Each structure stands twice: as C-alpha cells, then as structure tokens.
Amino acid sequence: MQATTQTVIYQVTKDDLENLLQDAINRALNTAPPAEKNTPDPDKLFTDAELQRRAKVSRFKLWQDRKAGKLPFIRIGNMIRYRESDIQEYLHYHINKPT
C-alpha cells in the first residue's frame, strides 16, 4: 500500500498569523498572555498571615483596623479572609495616608 500526500493551502490574514504564533509561544512557555498575567484577581481571598506579610503589619493591627471598619473582611465560620480588591484599597490608604 502506497502512502498518499495531500497539500492543503489555507489563506490567513497577518493578524490571524500573529495571534496564532503568540498563542503557540504562550502555550510553549506555559504562561498566560501578558494582559492576563499581571491582572490580579479582585476576588482572591487571603488569610491573616498572608496579609500580615504583605502589609508588614502585626496581627493586632489588622484586628484594630477590622474593628474600626478600616479593613473589610469576610468571616467564613471562625476564619477571617480578605479580598484582593479590599487589600489594594487598604494598602493604598496606609501608604498614602496623610501625616
């Protein structure tokens, strides 16, 4: 039995070809496209310990700010969690707060 060879020709635009190449490169590097890579998920939840490290504040300071209403939080059973979007606002306030 002889193998047959077929030639298939596709017509693509320059933009289609660039997108195809970019997708192939991203898959090969196993990375997200640049627009998605640096975009934080506003609903990602963080623990007290993670926020302490990130904000460089004590657990007591977080408790004070939660109690004062300066730091929004979510209670899940007996666990406290913080949304990424709330953390961004909290950090912005503490970095730029008036003296």
C-alpha atoms as a PDB file:
ATOM      1  CA  MET A   1       0.000   0.000   0.000  1.00  0.00           C
ATOM      2  CA  GLN A   2       1.350   3.398  -1.007  1.00  0.00           C
ATOM      3  CA  ALA A   3       1.076   6.485   1.191  1.00  0.00           C
ATOM      4  CA  THR A   4      -0.518   9.437  -0.478  1.00  0.00           C
ATOM      5  CA  THR A   5       0.431  13.013   0.195  1.00  0.00           C
ATOM      6  CA  GLN A   6      -2.031  15.885   0.143  1.00  0.00           C
ATOM      7  CA  THR A   7      -1.234  19.537   0.093  1.00  0.00           C
ATOM      8  CA  VAL A   8      -3.662  21.847   1.869  1.00  0.00           C
ATOM      9  CA  ILE A   9      -3.429  25.592   1.472  1.00  0.00           C
ATOM     10  CA  TYR A  10      -5.018  27.965   3.984  1.00  0.00           C
ATOM     11  CA  GLN A  11      -5.361  31.680   3.477  1.00  0.00           C
ATOM     12  CA  VAL A  12      -4.854  33.649   6.716  1.00  0.00           C
ATOM     13  CA  THR A  13      -4.506  37.313   7.482  1.00  0.00           C
ATOM     14  CA  LYS A  14      -1.410  38.804   9.056  1.00  0.00           C
ATOM     15  CA  ASP A  15      -3.326  39.392  12.332  1.00  0.00           C
ATOM     16  CA  ASP A  16      -4.531  35.775  12.390  1.00  0.00           C
ATOM     17  CA  LEU A  17      -0.979  34.549  11.869  1.00  0.00           C
ATOM     18  CA  GLU A  18       0.382  36.828  14.620  1.00  0.00           C
ATOM     19  CA  ASN A  19      -2.324  35.643  17.029  1.00  0.00           C
ATOM     20  CA  LEU A  20      -1.635  32.014  16.162  1.00  0.00           C
ATOM     21  CA  LEU A  21       2.090  32.476  16.771  1.00  0.00           C
ATOM     22  CA  GLN A  22       1.537  34.344  20.051  1.00  0.00           C
ATOM     23  CA  ASP A  23      -0.818  31.605  21.289  1.00  0.00           C
ATOM     24  CA  ALA A  24       1.710  28.915  20.333  1.00  0.00           C
ATOM     25  CA  ILE A  25       4.524  30.767  22.120  1.00  0.00           C
ATOM     26  CA  ASN A  26       2.379  31.243  25.246  1.00  0.00           C
ATOM     27  CA  ARG A  27       1.459  27.556  25.309  1.00  0.00           C
ATOM     28  CA  ALA A  28       5.092  26.566  24.784  1.00  0.00           C
ATOM     29  CA  LEU A  29       6.221  28.791  27.635  1.00  0.00           C
ATOM     30  CA  ASN A  30       3.222  27.732  29.711  1.00  0.00           C
ATOM     31  CA  THR A  31       2.446  31.340  30.617  1.00  0.00           C
ATOM     32  CA  ALA A  32      -0.643  33.469  30.457  1.00  0.00           C
ATOM     33  CA  PRO A  33      -0.873  36.207  27.859  1.00  0.00           C
ATOM     34  CA  PRO A  34       0.663  39.484  29.139  1.00  0.00           C
ATOM     35  CA  ALA A  35      -2.710  41.190  29.594  1.00  0.00           C
ATOM     36  CA  GLU A  36      -3.895  38.416  31.920  1.00  0.00           C
ATOM     37  CA  LYS A  37      -0.592  37.680  33.669  1.00  0.00           C
ATOM     38  CA  ASN A  38      -0.340  40.931  35.648  1.00  0.00           C
ATOM     39  CA  THR A  39      -4.042  41.371  36.374  1.00  0.00           C
ATOM     40  CA  PRO A  40      -4.798  40.431  39.992  1.00  0.00           C
ATOM     41  CA  ASP A  41      -7.993  38.536  40.716  1.00  0.00           C
ATOM     42  CA  PRO A  42     -10.097  41.013  42.759  1.00  0.00           C
ATOM     43  CA  ASP A  43     -11.987  38.154  44.443  1.00  0.00           C
ATOM     44  CA  LYS A  44      -8.953  36.109  45.518  1.00  0.00           C
ATOM     45  CA  LEU A  45      -9.026  35.583  49.290  1.00  0.00           C
ATOM     46  CA  PHE A  46      -6.066  35.974  51.647  1.00  0.00           C
ATOM     47  CA  THR A  47      -5.527  34.838  55.238  1.00  0.00           C
ATOM     48  CA  ASP A  48      -4.451  36.979  58.183  1.00  0.00           C
ATOM     49  CA  ALA A  49      -0.894  35.645  57.916  1.00  0.00           C
ATOM     50  CA  GLU A  50      -0.676  36.409  54.191  1.00  0.00           C
ATOM     51  CA  LEU A  51      -1.919  39.961  54.721  1.00  0.00           C
ATOM     52  CA  GLN A  52       0.455  40.472  57.668  1.00  0.00           C
ATOM     53  CA  ARG A  53       3.428  39.588  55.449  1.00  0.00           C
ATOM     54  CA  ARG A  54       2.168  41.638  52.536  1.00  0.00           C
ATOM     55  CA  ALA A  55       1.265  44.784  54.520  1.00  0.00           C
ATOM     56  CA  LYS A  56       4.095  44.358  57.038  1.00  0.00           C
ATOM     57  CA  VAL A  57       1.751  44.890  59.975  1.00  0.00           C
ATOM     58  CA  SER A  58       1.018  42.896  63.117  1.00  0.00           C
ATOM     59  CA  ARG A  59      -1.976  40.670  63.672  1.00  0.00           C
ATOM     60  CA  PHE A  60      -3.107  43.105  66.361  1.00  0.00           C
ATOM     61  CA  LYS A  61      -3.008  45.998  63.846  1.00  0.00           C
ATOM     62  CA  LEU A  62      -5.201  44.021  61.447  1.00  0.00           C
ATOM     63  CA  TRP A  63      -7.648  43.316  64.266  1.00  0.00           C
ATOM     64  CA  GLN A  64      -7.720  47.025  65.208  1.00  0.00           C
ATOM     65  CA  ASP A  65      -8.377  48.070  61.617  1.00  0.00           C
ATOM     66  CA  ARG A  66     -11.096  45.428  61.177  1.00  0.00           C
ATOM     67  CA  LYS A  67     -12.774  46.590  64.382  1.00  0.00           C
ATOM     68  CA  ALA A  68     -12.527  50.267  63.316  1.00  0.00           C
ATOM     69  CA  GLY A  69     -14.068  49.441  59.918  1.00  0.00           C
ATOM     70  CA  LYS A  70     -10.918  50.429  58.021  1.00  0.00           C
ATOM     71  CA  LEU A  71     -10.317  46.919  56.713  1.00  0.00           C
ATOM     72  CA  PRO A  72     -13.221  44.989  55.147  1.00  0.00           C
ATOM     73  CA  PHE A  73     -13.141  41.247  55.732  1.00  0.00           C
ATOM     74  CA  ILE A  74     -15.119  38.075  55.211  1.00  0.00           C
ATOM     75  CA  ARG A  75     -15.849  35.658  58.031  1.00  0.00           C
ATOM     76  CA  ILE A  76     -16.168  32.018  56.994  1.00  0.00           C
ATOM     77  CA  GLY A  77     -17.011  30.093  60.147  1.00  0.00           C
ATOM     78  CA  ASN A  78     -14.227  31.099  62.522  1.00  0.00           C
ATOM     79  CA  MET A  79     -11.831  32.059  59.713  1.00  0.00           C
ATOM     80  CA  ILE A  80     -11.118  35.607  58.561  1.00  0.00           C
ATOM     81  CA  ARG A  81     -10.368  36.254  54.885  1.00  0.00           C
ATOM     82  CA  TYR A  82      -9.631  39.406  52.887  1.00  0.00           C
ATOM     83  CA  ARG A  83     -10.442  40.126  49.233  1.00  0.00           C
ATOM     84  CA  GLU A  84      -7.633  41.253  46.921  1.00  0.00           C
ATOM     85  CA  SER A  85      -9.609  44.368  45.967  1.00  0.00           C
ATOM     86  CA  ASP A  86     -10.066  45.326  49.644  1.00  0.00           C
ATOM     87  CA  ILE A  87      -6.374  44.717  50.339  1.00  0.00           C
ATOM     88  CA  GLN A  88      -5.402  47.013  47.470  1.00  0.00           C
ATOM     89  CA  GLU A  89      -7.537  49.832  48.914  1.00  0.00           C
ATOM     90  CA  TYR A  90      -6.216  49.187  52.429  1.00  0.00           C
ATOM     91  CA  LEU A  91      -2.585  49.270  51.277  1.00  0.00           C
ATOM     92  CA  HIS A  92      -3.201  52.376  49.173  1.00  0.00           C
ATOM     93  CA  TYR A  93      -4.691  54.155  52.198  1.00  0.00           C
ATOM     94  CA  HIS A  94      -1.831  53.183  54.522  1.00  0.00           C
ATOM     95  CA  ILE A  95       0.868  54.037  52.001  1.00  0.00           C
ATOM     96  CA  ASN A  96      -0.662  57.389  51.069  1.00  0.00           C
ATOM     97  CA  LYS A  97      -2.317  58.353  54.349  1.00  0.00           C
ATOM     98  CA  PRO A  98      -1.821  61.947  55.492  1.00  0.00           C
ATOM     99  CA  THR A  99       0.614  62.522  58.339  1.00  0.00           C
END
